[in-house]
Amino acid sequence: MLDATFEKVRENGRVVSMAVVIAVGVRSTGEREVLGTDVGPAEDLEFWLAFLRQLVNRGLRGVRLVTSDSHLGLKQAVAQVLAGSTWQRCRVHFMRNALSTVPKAAQQMVAATLRTIFAQPDREGARETIARISRLFERRFPKLVAVRLRLVGAVLEEQNDEWAVGRRYFSQESMNKLTEPTQEEVVQALLELQTA
């Protein structure tokens, strides 16, 4: 999980706004861990590239999923440095963006309604709830309904709330599924053994 925030810091006798970035990972055993943090002048492609390369140089390996906001520089850096990983938009950032499409007076009600999507026990329930909410809000908040199309993927990917189990973010069973070799990896390993 990658994120950034801006903080006021004192530099050379002046107070300036600086980007503070953080990377949080999930170990193969399921526990979360802060992988690194850095401070820089801007949250741009170059800064994200340097930050991610630093993590890789320190030993970060096997990244399969990156969750973040949809900042273009960040997504480009992930694609370049963590090649082969999948990127997914963060649910918290999605919710902020969705709520920005409705008037302040309606945000609490809309947020509560959108949260019902994440409470569904399965994909079908989530899909049905998304469709019902879309019909409910299509006339009153058309921009929200347009944004919710991006929500479908996020909801369906995050349906399993295993992270609530103990201190684990994912169960050991799920982590084993992530680390089991694919059929292609098994074939490649066998070919390498035959040529050795």
N, C-alpha and C. Protein backbone atom coordinates (compact mmCIF):
# COMPACT_ATOMS: atom_id res chain seq x y z
N MET A 1 0.86 -1.16 0.00
CA MET A 1 0.00 0.00 0.00
C MET A 1 0.90 1.22 0.00
N LEU A 2 0.66 2.13 -0.92
CA LEU A 2 1.45 3.35 -1.03
C LEU A 2 0.56 4.56 -0.87
N ASP A 3 1.05 5.56 -0.13
CA ASP A 3 0.27 6.77 0.04
C ASP A 3 1.20 7.94 0.31
N ALA A 4 0.66 9.13 0.16
CA ALA A 4 1.42 10.36 0.41
C ALA A 4 0.51 11.39 1.06
N THR A 5 1.12 12.26 1.82
CA THR A 5 0.42 13.40 2.39
C THR A 5 1.38 14.57 2.36
N PHE A 6 0.86 15.77 2.49
CA PHE A 6 1.72 16.95 2.49
C PHE A 6 1.74 17.56 3.88
N GLU A 7 2.93 17.86 4.36
CA GLU A 7 3.12 18.45 5.68
C GLU A 7 3.96 19.71 5.55
N LYS A 8 3.74 20.64 6.47
CA LYS A 8 4.55 21.85 6.53
C LYS A 8 5.82 21.53 7.32
N VAL A 9 6.98 21.83 6.74
CA VAL A 9 8.26 21.59 7.42
C VAL A 9 9.13 22.84 7.31
N ARG A 10 10.03 22.97 8.26
CA ARG A 10 10.94 24.10 8.24
C ARG A 10 12.21 23.68 7.50
N GLU A 11 12.54 24.44 6.45
CA GLU A 11 13.73 24.15 5.65
C GLU A 11 14.43 25.46 5.30
N ASN A 12 15.69 25.57 5.67
CA ASN A 12 16.48 26.77 5.41
C ASN A 12 15.79 28.04 5.92
N GLY A 13 15.23 27.97 7.12
CA GLY A 13 14.60 29.13 7.73
C GLY A 13 13.22 29.48 7.19
N ARG A 14 12.66 28.63 6.31
CA ARG A 14 11.32 28.87 5.75
C ARG A 14 10.43 27.67 6.04
N VAL A 15 9.14 27.92 6.07
CA VAL A 15 8.17 26.83 6.21
C VAL A 15 7.66 26.51 4.81
N VAL A 16 7.86 25.24 4.40
CA VAL A 16 7.44 24.82 3.06
C VAL A 16 6.62 23.55 3.16
N SER A 17 5.83 23.28 2.14
CA SER A 17 5.03 22.07 2.07
C SER A 17 5.87 20.97 1.41
N MET A 18 5.95 19.82 2.06
CA MET A 18 6.73 18.69 1.53
C MET A 18 5.86 17.43 1.49
N ALA A 19 6.12 16.60 0.50
CA ALA A 19 5.42 15.32 0.37
C ALA A 19 6.05 14.30 1.31
N VAL A 20 5.21 13.63 2.08
CA VAL A 20 5.65 12.53 2.95
C VAL A 20 5.02 11.27 2.38
N VAL A 21 5.85 10.33 1.94
CA VAL A 21 5.34 9.10 1.34
C VAL A 21 5.62 7.92 2.26
N ILE A 22 4.75 6.91 2.17
CA ILE A 22 4.91 5.72 3.00
C ILE A 22 4.53 4.49 2.20
N ALA A 23 5.22 3.41 2.48
CA ALA A 23 4.90 2.11 1.90
C ALA A 23 4.65 1.13 3.04
N VAL A 24 3.51 0.45 2.99
CA VAL A 24 3.16 -0.57 3.96
C VAL A 24 2.99 -1.86 3.19
N GLY A 25 3.60 -2.92 3.67
CA GLY A 25 3.50 -4.21 2.99
C GLY A 25 2.86 -5.26 3.87
N VAL A 26 2.56 -6.39 3.27
CA VAL A 26 2.03 -7.54 3.99
C VAL A 26 3.02 -8.68 3.81
N ARG A 27 3.52 -9.19 4.93
CA ARG A 27 4.49 -10.30 4.89
C ARG A 27 3.82 -11.58 4.37
N SER A 28 4.61 -12.55 4.03
CA SER A 28 4.06 -13.83 3.55
C SER A 28 3.28 -14.54 4.64
N THR A 29 3.48 -14.15 5.91
CA THR A 29 2.74 -14.73 7.02
C THR A 29 1.44 -13.97 7.31
N GLY A 30 1.20 -12.85 6.58
CA GLY A 30 -0.05 -12.12 6.72
C GLY A 30 0.00 -10.85 7.54
N GLU A 31 1.10 -10.59 8.26
CA GLU A 31 1.18 -9.37 9.06
C GLU A 31 1.60 -8.18 8.23
N ARG A 32 1.07 -6.99 8.60
CA ARG A 32 1.46 -5.75 7.93
C ARG A 32 2.76 -5.22 8.52
N GLU A 33 3.50 -4.48 7.69
CA GLU A 33 4.77 -3.91 8.13
C GLU A 33 5.04 -2.62 7.34
N VAL A 34 5.53 -1.59 8.04
CA VAL A 34 5.95 -0.37 7.36
C VAL A 34 7.26 -0.69 6.65
N LEU A 35 7.27 -0.54 5.33
CA LEU A 35 8.45 -0.86 4.53
C LEU A 35 9.40 0.33 4.39
N GLY A 36 8.84 1.53 4.39
CA GLY A 36 9.68 2.71 4.26
C GLY A 36 8.86 3.98 4.19
N THR A 37 9.55 5.07 4.43
CA THR A 37 8.94 6.39 4.34
C THR A 37 10.01 7.37 3.87
N ASP A 38 9.59 8.45 3.24
CA ASP A 38 10.54 9.44 2.75
C ASP A 38 9.84 10.79 2.65
N VAL A 39 10.63 11.83 2.60
CA VAL A 39 10.11 13.20 2.47
C VAL A 39 10.77 13.83 1.26
N GLY A 40 9.96 14.50 0.42
CA GLY A 40 10.50 15.13 -0.78
C GLY A 40 9.69 16.35 -1.17
N PRO A 41 10.18 17.08 -2.15
CA PRO A 41 9.55 18.34 -2.52
C PRO A 41 8.21 18.20 -3.24
N ALA A 42 7.97 17.06 -3.88
CA ALA A 42 6.71 16.90 -4.63
C ALA A 42 6.40 15.42 -4.80
N GLU A 43 5.11 15.12 -4.91
CA GLU A 43 4.67 13.75 -5.16
C GLU A 43 4.58 13.57 -6.67
N ASP A 44 5.73 13.42 -7.30
CA ASP A 44 5.76 13.29 -8.75
C ASP A 44 6.43 11.98 -9.15
N LEU A 45 6.47 11.73 -10.44
CA LEU A 45 7.03 10.48 -10.95
C LEU A 45 8.45 10.25 -10.46
N GLU A 46 9.30 11.27 -10.53
CA GLU A 46 10.70 11.10 -10.14
C GLU A 46 10.85 10.73 -8.68
N PHE A 47 10.07 11.36 -7.81
CA PHE A 47 10.15 11.06 -6.39
C PHE A 47 9.67 9.64 -6.10
N TRP A 48 8.54 9.24 -6.71
CA TRP A 48 8.04 7.88 -6.52
C TRP A 48 9.03 6.85 -7.08
N LEU A 49 9.63 7.14 -8.24
CA LEU A 49 10.63 6.21 -8.79
C LEU A 49 11.78 6.00 -7.82
N ALA A 50 12.32 7.11 -7.28
CA ALA A 50 13.45 7.02 -6.34
C ALA A 50 13.05 6.25 -5.09
N PHE A 51 11.86 6.52 -4.57
CA PHE A 51 11.39 5.85 -3.36
C PHE A 51 11.24 4.35 -3.58
N LEU A 52 10.57 3.96 -4.66
CA LEU A 52 10.36 2.54 -4.93
C LEU A 52 11.67 1.82 -5.24
N ARG A 53 12.57 2.48 -5.97
CA ARG A 53 13.88 1.87 -6.24
C ARG A 53 14.66 1.66 -4.96
N GLN A 54 14.54 2.59 -4.02
CA GLN A 54 15.20 2.44 -2.72
C GLN A 54 14.67 1.20 -1.99
N LEU A 55 13.36 1.00 -2.03
CA LEU A 55 12.78 -0.18 -1.39
C LEU A 55 13.28 -1.47 -2.03
N VAL A 56 13.34 -1.49 -3.35
CA VAL A 56 13.84 -2.66 -4.07
C VAL A 56 15.31 -2.90 -3.73
N ASN A 57 16.11 -1.85 -3.69
CA ASN A 57 17.53 -1.98 -3.34
C ASN A 57 17.73 -2.50 -1.92
N ARG A 58 16.76 -2.22 -1.05
CA ARG A 58 16.83 -2.71 0.33
C ARG A 58 16.28 -4.12 0.47
N GLY A 59 15.79 -4.72 -0.65
CA GLY A 59 15.37 -6.12 -0.61
C GLY A 59 13.91 -6.41 -0.88
N LEU A 60 13.13 -5.40 -1.20
CA LEU A 60 11.72 -5.65 -1.51
C LEU A 60 11.61 -6.53 -2.75
N ARG A 61 10.92 -7.65 -2.60
CA ARG A 61 10.76 -8.61 -3.70
C ARG A 61 9.35 -9.19 -3.67
N GLY A 62 8.92 -9.73 -4.80
CA GLY A 62 7.68 -10.50 -4.84
C GLY A 62 6.41 -9.69 -4.69
N VAL A 63 6.42 -8.43 -5.07
CA VAL A 63 5.22 -7.60 -4.94
C VAL A 63 4.21 -8.05 -5.99
N ARG A 64 3.03 -8.43 -5.52
CA ARG A 64 1.99 -8.90 -6.43
C ARG A 64 0.86 -7.91 -6.60
N LEU A 65 0.60 -7.08 -5.57
CA LEU A 65 -0.50 -6.13 -5.62
C LEU A 65 -0.07 -4.83 -4.96
N VAL A 66 -0.35 -3.72 -5.64
CA VAL A 66 -0.09 -2.40 -5.08
C VAL A 66 -1.43 -1.68 -5.00
N THR A 67 -1.74 -1.15 -3.83
CA THR A 67 -2.97 -0.39 -3.62
C THR A 67 -2.58 1.05 -3.32
N SER A 68 -3.19 1.99 -4.04
CA SER A 68 -2.88 3.41 -3.84
C SER A 68 -3.99 4.26 -4.44
N ASP A 69 -3.79 5.58 -4.34
CA ASP A 69 -4.69 6.46 -5.07
C ASP A 69 -4.30 6.40 -6.55
N SER A 70 -5.02 7.11 -7.39
CA SER A 70 -4.75 6.99 -8.82
C SER A 70 -3.84 8.09 -9.34
N HIS A 71 -2.91 8.55 -8.51
CA HIS A 71 -1.93 9.56 -8.92
C HIS A 71 -1.11 9.01 -10.09
N LEU A 72 -1.09 9.73 -11.19
CA LEU A 72 -0.47 9.24 -12.42
C LEU A 72 1.02 8.93 -12.23
N GLY A 73 1.76 9.81 -11.57
CA GLY A 73 3.19 9.57 -11.34
C GLY A 73 3.44 8.32 -10.54
N LEU A 74 2.61 8.08 -9.54
CA LEU A 74 2.74 6.89 -8.71
C LEU A 74 2.46 5.63 -9.52
N LYS A 75 1.38 5.65 -10.30
CA LYS A 75 1.05 4.48 -11.11
C LYS A 75 2.16 4.18 -12.12
N GLN A 76 2.75 5.22 -12.72
CA GLN A 76 3.83 5.02 -13.68
C GLN A 76 5.06 4.43 -12.98
N ALA A 77 5.37 4.93 -11.79
CA ALA A 77 6.53 4.42 -11.04
C ALA A 77 6.33 2.96 -10.67
N VAL A 78 5.13 2.61 -10.25
CA VAL A 78 4.83 1.21 -9.91
C VAL A 78 5.04 0.33 -11.14
N ALA A 79 4.53 0.77 -12.28
CA ALA A 79 4.68 -0.02 -13.51
C ALA A 79 6.14 -0.21 -13.89
N GLN A 80 6.97 0.80 -13.65
CA GLN A 80 8.38 0.71 -14.03
C GLN A 80 9.21 -0.09 -13.04
N VAL A 81 9.00 0.15 -11.74
CA VAL A 81 9.88 -0.44 -10.73
C VAL A 81 9.35 -1.78 -10.23
N LEU A 82 8.06 -1.92 -10.11
CA LEU A 82 7.47 -3.15 -9.59
C LEU A 82 6.76 -3.90 -10.71
N ALA A 83 7.45 -4.06 -11.81
CA ALA A 83 6.89 -4.71 -12.99
C ALA A 83 6.35 -6.09 -12.62
N GLY A 84 5.19 -6.40 -13.16
CA GLY A 84 4.56 -7.69 -12.89
C GLY A 84 3.55 -7.64 -11.76
N SER A 85 3.55 -6.55 -11.01
CA SER A 85 2.56 -6.43 -9.93
C SER A 85 1.26 -5.86 -10.51
N THR A 86 0.19 -6.09 -9.81
CA THR A 86 -1.11 -5.56 -10.20
C THR A 86 -1.38 -4.32 -9.37
N TRP A 87 -1.99 -3.30 -10.01
CA TRP A 87 -2.33 -2.08 -9.28
C TRP A 87 -3.83 -2.04 -9.04
N GLN A 88 -4.23 -1.60 -7.86
CA GLN A 88 -5.64 -1.47 -7.52
C GLN A 88 -5.86 -0.14 -6.80
N ARG A 89 -6.93 0.52 -7.13
CA ARG A 89 -7.26 1.80 -6.49
C ARG A 89 -7.71 1.57 -5.05
N CYS A 90 -7.24 2.41 -4.15
CA CYS A 90 -7.58 2.34 -2.73
C CYS A 90 -9.04 2.69 -2.51
N ARG A 91 -9.72 1.92 -1.67
CA ARG A 91 -11.13 2.14 -1.37
C ARG A 91 -11.34 3.47 -0.65
N VAL A 92 -10.44 3.84 0.25
CA VAL A 92 -10.58 5.12 0.98
C VAL A 92 -10.50 6.29 0.01
N HIS A 93 -9.52 6.24 -0.91
CA HIS A 93 -9.40 7.31 -1.89
C HIS A 93 -10.61 7.34 -2.83
N PHE A 94 -11.10 6.16 -3.17
CA PHE A 94 -12.30 6.13 -4.01
C PHE A 94 -13.45 6.83 -3.30
N MET A 95 -13.64 6.50 -2.01
CA MET A 95 -14.75 7.08 -1.27
C MET A 95 -14.63 8.60 -1.21
N ARG A 96 -13.43 9.11 -0.98
CA ARG A 96 -13.23 10.57 -0.98
C ARG A 96 -13.61 11.17 -2.33
N ASN A 97 -13.16 10.54 -3.39
CA ASN A 97 -13.46 11.06 -4.73
C ASN A 97 -14.96 10.99 -5.02
N ALA A 98 -15.60 9.90 -4.62
CA ALA A 98 -17.03 9.76 -4.86
C ALA A 98 -17.81 10.83 -4.09
N LEU A 99 -17.44 11.04 -2.84
CA LEU A 99 -18.16 12.02 -2.02
C LEU A 99 -17.94 13.45 -2.49
N SER A 100 -16.85 13.69 -3.19
CA SER A 100 -16.61 15.05 -3.70
C SER A 100 -17.59 15.41 -4.83
N THR A 101 -18.33 14.43 -5.34
CA THR A 101 -19.29 14.69 -6.42
C THR A 101 -20.67 15.08 -5.92
N VAL A 102 -20.87 15.01 -4.58
CA VAL A 102 -22.18 15.34 -4.02
C VAL A 102 -22.05 16.52 -3.07
N PRO A 103 -23.15 17.27 -2.84
CA PRO A 103 -23.09 18.40 -1.91
C PRO A 103 -22.74 17.94 -0.49
N LYS A 104 -22.09 18.81 0.26
CA LYS A 104 -21.67 18.48 1.64
C LYS A 104 -22.83 17.97 2.48
N ALA A 105 -23.99 18.59 2.34
CA ALA A 105 -25.15 18.21 3.14
C ALA A 105 -25.56 16.75 2.91
N ALA A 106 -25.24 16.18 1.76
CA ALA A 106 -25.65 14.81 1.43
C ALA A 106 -24.52 13.80 1.64
N GLN A 107 -23.33 14.24 1.94
CA GLN A 107 -22.18 13.33 1.99
C GLN A 107 -22.30 12.23 3.04
N GLN A 108 -22.79 12.56 4.23
CA GLN A 108 -22.91 11.54 5.27
C GLN A 108 -23.88 10.43 4.85
N MET A 109 -25.01 10.81 4.29
CA MET A 109 -26.01 9.84 3.84
C MET A 109 -25.46 9.00 2.69
N VAL A 110 -24.80 9.64 1.73
CA VAL A 110 -24.25 8.92 0.58
C VAL A 110 -23.16 7.96 1.04
N ALA A 111 -22.29 8.41 1.95
CA ALA A 111 -21.22 7.54 2.46
C ALA A 111 -21.79 6.30 3.13
N ALA A 112 -22.80 6.50 3.97
CA ALA A 112 -23.43 5.35 4.64
C ALA A 112 -24.03 4.39 3.62
N THR A 113 -24.64 4.94 2.59
CA THR A 113 -25.25 4.10 1.55
C THR A 113 -24.18 3.33 0.79
N LEU A 114 -23.08 4.00 0.42
CA LEU A 114 -22.01 3.32 -0.32
C LEU A 114 -21.35 2.23 0.53
N ARG A 115 -21.25 2.44 1.84
CA ARG A 115 -20.62 1.43 2.70
C ARG A 115 -21.40 0.12 2.69
N THR A 116 -22.70 0.16 2.39
CA THR A 116 -23.47 -1.08 2.36
C THR A 116 -22.96 -2.02 1.26
N ILE A 117 -22.34 -1.45 0.25
CA ILE A 117 -21.78 -2.29 -0.83
C ILE A 117 -20.67 -3.17 -0.26
N PHE A 118 -19.81 -2.57 0.56
CA PHE A 118 -18.67 -3.31 1.11
C PHE A 118 -19.08 -4.33 2.16
N ALA A 119 -20.31 -4.24 2.66
CA ALA A 119 -20.79 -5.17 3.69
C ALA A 119 -21.44 -6.42 3.11
N GLN A 120 -21.55 -6.50 1.80
CA GLN A 120 -22.20 -7.65 1.18
C GLN A 120 -21.35 -8.90 1.33
N PRO A 121 -21.99 -10.05 1.51
CA PRO A 121 -21.24 -11.29 1.76
C PRO A 121 -20.60 -11.91 0.52
N ASP A 122 -21.06 -11.52 -0.69
CA ASP A 122 -20.51 -12.14 -1.88
C ASP A 122 -20.59 -11.17 -3.07
N ARG A 123 -20.01 -11.60 -4.20
CA ARG A 123 -19.98 -10.76 -5.40
C ARG A 123 -21.37 -10.40 -5.90
N GLU A 124 -22.24 -11.38 -5.91
CA GLU A 124 -23.59 -11.12 -6.43
C GLU A 124 -24.30 -10.09 -5.57
N GLY A 125 -24.17 -10.20 -4.26
CA GLY A 125 -24.78 -9.22 -3.37
C GLY A 125 -24.21 -7.83 -3.60
N ALA A 126 -22.90 -7.76 -3.83
CA ALA A 126 -22.26 -6.46 -4.10
C ALA A 126 -22.77 -5.88 -5.42
N ARG A 127 -22.85 -6.71 -6.44
CA ARG A 127 -23.35 -6.23 -7.74
C ARG A 127 -24.79 -5.72 -7.64
N GLU A 128 -25.63 -6.48 -6.93
CA GLU A 128 -27.02 -6.07 -6.78
C GLU A 128 -27.13 -4.75 -6.01
N THR A 129 -26.32 -4.61 -4.97
CA THR A 129 -26.35 -3.38 -4.17
C THR A 129 -25.86 -2.19 -4.99
N ILE A 130 -24.84 -2.38 -5.79
CA ILE A 130 -24.35 -1.31 -6.66
C ILE A 130 -25.44 -0.88 -7.63
N ALA A 131 -26.12 -1.85 -8.23
CA ALA A 131 -27.20 -1.52 -9.17
C ALA A 131 -28.33 -0.78 -8.48
N ARG A 132 -28.70 -1.21 -7.29
CA ARG A 132 -29.79 -0.56 -6.54
C ARG A 132 -29.41 0.87 -6.17
N ILE A 133 -28.17 1.07 -5.71
CA ILE A 133 -27.71 2.41 -5.33
C ILE A 133 -27.64 3.31 -6.56
N SER A 134 -27.22 2.75 -7.68
CA SER A 134 -27.17 3.53 -8.92
C SER A 134 -28.54 4.03 -9.31
N ARG A 135 -29.54 3.15 -9.24
CA ARG A 135 -30.91 3.57 -9.55
C ARG A 135 -31.41 4.62 -8.58
N LEU A 136 -31.05 4.46 -7.31
CA LEU A 136 -31.48 5.39 -6.27
C LEU A 136 -30.93 6.80 -6.49
N PHE A 137 -29.66 6.89 -6.92
CA PHE A 137 -28.99 8.18 -7.02
C PHE A 137 -28.86 8.74 -8.44
N GLU A 138 -29.30 8.01 -9.47
CA GLU A 138 -29.01 8.42 -10.83
C GLU A 138 -29.55 9.80 -11.21
N ARG A 139 -30.68 10.19 -10.70
CA ARG A 139 -31.23 11.52 -11.03
C ARG A 139 -30.66 12.60 -10.13
N ARG A 140 -30.54 12.29 -8.85
CA ARG A 140 -30.10 13.30 -7.88
C ARG A 140 -28.60 13.58 -7.96
N PHE A 141 -27.79 12.52 -8.14
CA PHE A 141 -26.34 12.66 -8.17
C PHE A 141 -25.74 11.92 -9.37
N PRO A 142 -25.96 12.40 -10.59
CA PRO A 142 -25.48 11.68 -11.77
C PRO A 142 -23.95 11.53 -11.82
N LYS A 143 -23.21 12.51 -11.29
CA LYS A 143 -21.74 12.39 -11.29
C LYS A 143 -21.29 11.25 -10.38
N LEU A 144 -21.98 11.07 -9.27
CA LEU A 144 -21.67 9.97 -8.36
C LEU A 144 -21.89 8.63 -9.05
N VAL A 145 -23.00 8.50 -9.77
CA VAL A 145 -23.30 7.25 -10.47
C VAL A 145 -22.24 6.96 -11.52
N ALA A 146 -21.74 8.00 -12.19
CA ALA A 146 -20.67 7.80 -13.18
C ALA A 146 -19.39 7.31 -12.51
N VAL A 147 -19.07 7.85 -11.34
CA VAL A 147 -17.86 7.46 -10.62
C VAL A 147 -18.00 6.04 -10.08
N ARG A 148 -19.20 5.65 -9.66
CA ARG A 148 -19.38 4.33 -9.05
C ARG A 148 -19.01 3.20 -9.99
N LEU A 149 -18.97 3.42 -11.33
CA LEU A 149 -18.56 2.35 -12.24
C LEU A 149 -17.16 1.87 -11.94
N ARG A 150 -16.31 2.79 -11.42
CA ARG A 150 -14.95 2.39 -11.04
C ARG A 150 -14.95 1.61 -9.73
N LEU A 151 -16.03 1.76 -8.95
CA LEU A 151 -16.12 1.08 -7.67
C LEU A 151 -16.32 -0.42 -7.82
N VAL A 152 -16.98 -0.85 -8.86
CA VAL A 152 -17.31 -2.27 -9.02
C VAL A 152 -16.07 -3.14 -8.85
N GLY A 153 -14.98 -2.81 -9.55
CA GLY A 153 -13.75 -3.60 -9.43
C GLY A 153 -13.18 -3.59 -8.04
N ALA A 154 -13.17 -2.42 -7.41
CA ALA A 154 -12.62 -2.32 -6.06
C ALA A 154 -13.43 -3.15 -5.07
N VAL A 155 -14.74 -3.09 -5.16
CA VAL A 155 -15.59 -3.84 -4.24
C VAL A 155 -15.36 -5.33 -4.42
N LEU A 156 -15.36 -5.77 -5.64
CA LEU A 156 -15.24 -7.20 -5.88
C LEU A 156 -13.87 -7.74 -5.50
N GLU A 157 -12.84 -6.91 -5.58
CA GLU A 157 -11.50 -7.33 -5.18
C GLU A 157 -11.33 -7.36 -3.67
N GLU A 158 -12.03 -6.49 -2.96
CA GLU A 158 -11.85 -6.36 -1.52
C GLU A 158 -12.91 -7.06 -0.71
N GLN A 159 -13.68 -7.94 -1.30
CA GLN A 159 -14.82 -8.53 -0.63
C GLN A 159 -14.43 -9.34 0.58
N ASN A 160 -13.28 -9.96 0.56
CA ASN A 160 -12.87 -10.83 1.66
C ASN A 160 -12.21 -10.01 2.76
N ASP A 161 -12.82 -9.91 3.91
CA ASP A 161 -12.30 -9.08 5.00
C ASP A 161 -11.46 -9.90 5.98
N GLU A 162 -10.54 -10.71 5.47
CA GLU A 162 -9.71 -11.54 6.34
C GLU A 162 -8.85 -10.72 7.27
N TRP A 163 -8.52 -9.49 6.90
CA TRP A 163 -7.62 -8.68 7.70
C TRP A 163 -8.17 -8.40 9.09
N ALA A 164 -9.44 -8.66 9.32
CA ALA A 164 -10.02 -8.44 10.64
C ALA A 164 -9.70 -9.59 11.59
N VAL A 165 -9.08 -10.65 11.11
CA VAL A 165 -8.78 -11.82 11.92
C VAL A 165 -7.46 -11.60 12.64
N GLY A 166 -7.53 -11.39 13.94
CA GLY A 166 -6.31 -11.21 14.74
C GLY A 166 -5.49 -10.04 14.26
N ARG A 167 -4.18 -10.19 14.26
CA ARG A 167 -3.27 -9.15 13.80
C ARG A 167 -2.88 -9.37 12.35
N ARG A 168 -3.41 -10.39 11.74
CA ARG A 168 -3.09 -10.69 10.35
C ARG A 168 -3.90 -9.81 9.41
N TYR A 169 -3.28 -9.43 8.33
CA TYR A 169 -3.98 -8.68 7.30
C TYR A 169 -4.67 -9.67 6.36
N PHE A 170 -4.00 -10.80 6.11
CA PHE A 170 -4.55 -11.89 5.33
C PHE A 170 -4.34 -13.18 6.11
N SER A 171 -5.21 -14.16 5.92
CA SER A 171 -5.04 -15.45 6.58
C SER A 171 -3.87 -16.19 5.95
N GLN A 172 -3.33 -17.17 6.67
CA GLN A 172 -2.23 -17.95 6.14
C GLN A 172 -2.67 -18.71 4.89
N GLU A 173 -3.93 -19.16 4.87
CA GLU A 173 -4.45 -19.88 3.70
C GLU A 173 -4.39 -19.00 2.45
N SER A 174 -4.79 -17.73 2.59
CA SER A 174 -4.74 -16.82 1.44
C SER A 174 -3.30 -16.54 1.03
N MET A 175 -2.42 -16.39 2.01
CA MET A 175 -1.02 -16.13 1.69
C MET A 175 -0.42 -17.32 0.95
N ASN A 176 -0.80 -18.54 1.35
CA ASN A 176 -0.30 -19.73 0.66
C ASN A 176 -0.76 -19.74 -0.80
N LYS A 177 -1.99 -19.30 -1.06
CA LYS A 177 -2.48 -19.24 -2.43
C LYS A 177 -1.66 -18.27 -3.26
N LEU A 178 -1.22 -17.18 -2.63
CA LEU A 178 -0.40 -16.20 -3.35
C LEU A 178 0.99 -16.73 -3.68
N THR A 179 1.51 -17.59 -2.81
CA THR A 179 2.88 -18.06 -2.99
C THR A 179 2.99 -19.43 -3.66
N GLU A 180 1.85 -20.09 -3.90
CA GLU A 180 1.90 -21.37 -4.61
C GLU A 180 2.39 -21.13 -6.03
N PRO A 181 3.29 -21.97 -6.53
CA PRO A 181 3.79 -21.75 -7.89
C PRO A 181 2.70 -21.99 -8.93
N THR A 182 2.75 -21.20 -9.99
CA THR A 182 1.81 -21.40 -11.09
C THR A 182 2.28 -22.60 -11.91
N GLN A 183 1.44 -23.07 -12.80
CA GLN A 183 1.81 -24.20 -13.65
C GLN A 183 3.01 -23.83 -14.51
N GLU A 184 3.04 -22.59 -15.01
CA GLU A 184 4.19 -22.15 -15.82
C GLU A 184 5.48 -22.16 -15.01
N GLU A 185 5.42 -21.74 -13.74
CA GLU A 185 6.61 -21.73 -12.89
C GLU A 185 7.11 -23.15 -12.64
N VAL A 186 6.18 -24.10 -12.44
CA VAL A 186 6.56 -25.49 -12.22
C VAL A 186 7.23 -26.05 -13.47
N VAL A 187 6.65 -25.79 -14.64
CA VAL A 187 7.23 -26.28 -15.91
C VAL A 187 8.62 -25.68 -16.10
N GLN A 188 8.77 -24.38 -15.85
CA GLN A 188 10.06 -23.72 -16.02
C GLN A 188 11.11 -24.33 -15.09
N ALA A 189 10.72 -24.60 -13.83
CA ALA A 189 11.65 -25.19 -12.87
C ALA A 189 12.08 -26.59 -13.33
N LEU A 190 11.14 -27.37 -13.87
CA LEU A 190 11.47 -28.70 -14.37
C LEU A 190 12.42 -28.62 -15.56
N LEU A 191 12.18 -27.69 -16.46
CA LEU A 191 13.06 -27.51 -17.61
C LEU A 191 14.47 -27.11 -17.17
N GLU A 192 14.57 -26.26 -16.18
CA GLU A 192 15.87 -25.83 -15.67
C GLU A 192 16.61 -27.00 -15.02
N LEU A 193 15.86 -27.88 -14.33
CA LEU A 193 16.50 -29.05 -13.72
C LEU A 193 17.02 -30.01 -14.78
N GLN A 194 16.27 -30.15 -15.88
CA GLN A 194 16.69 -31.07 -16.95
C GLN A 194 17.94 -30.56 -17.66
N THR A 195 18.10 -29.26 -17.78
CA THR A 195 19.25 -28.71 -18.49
C THR A 195 20.46 -28.51 -17.58
N ALA A 196 20.29 -28.71 -16.27
CA ALA A 196 21.39 -28.51 -15.32
C ALA A 196 22.32 -29.68 -15.30
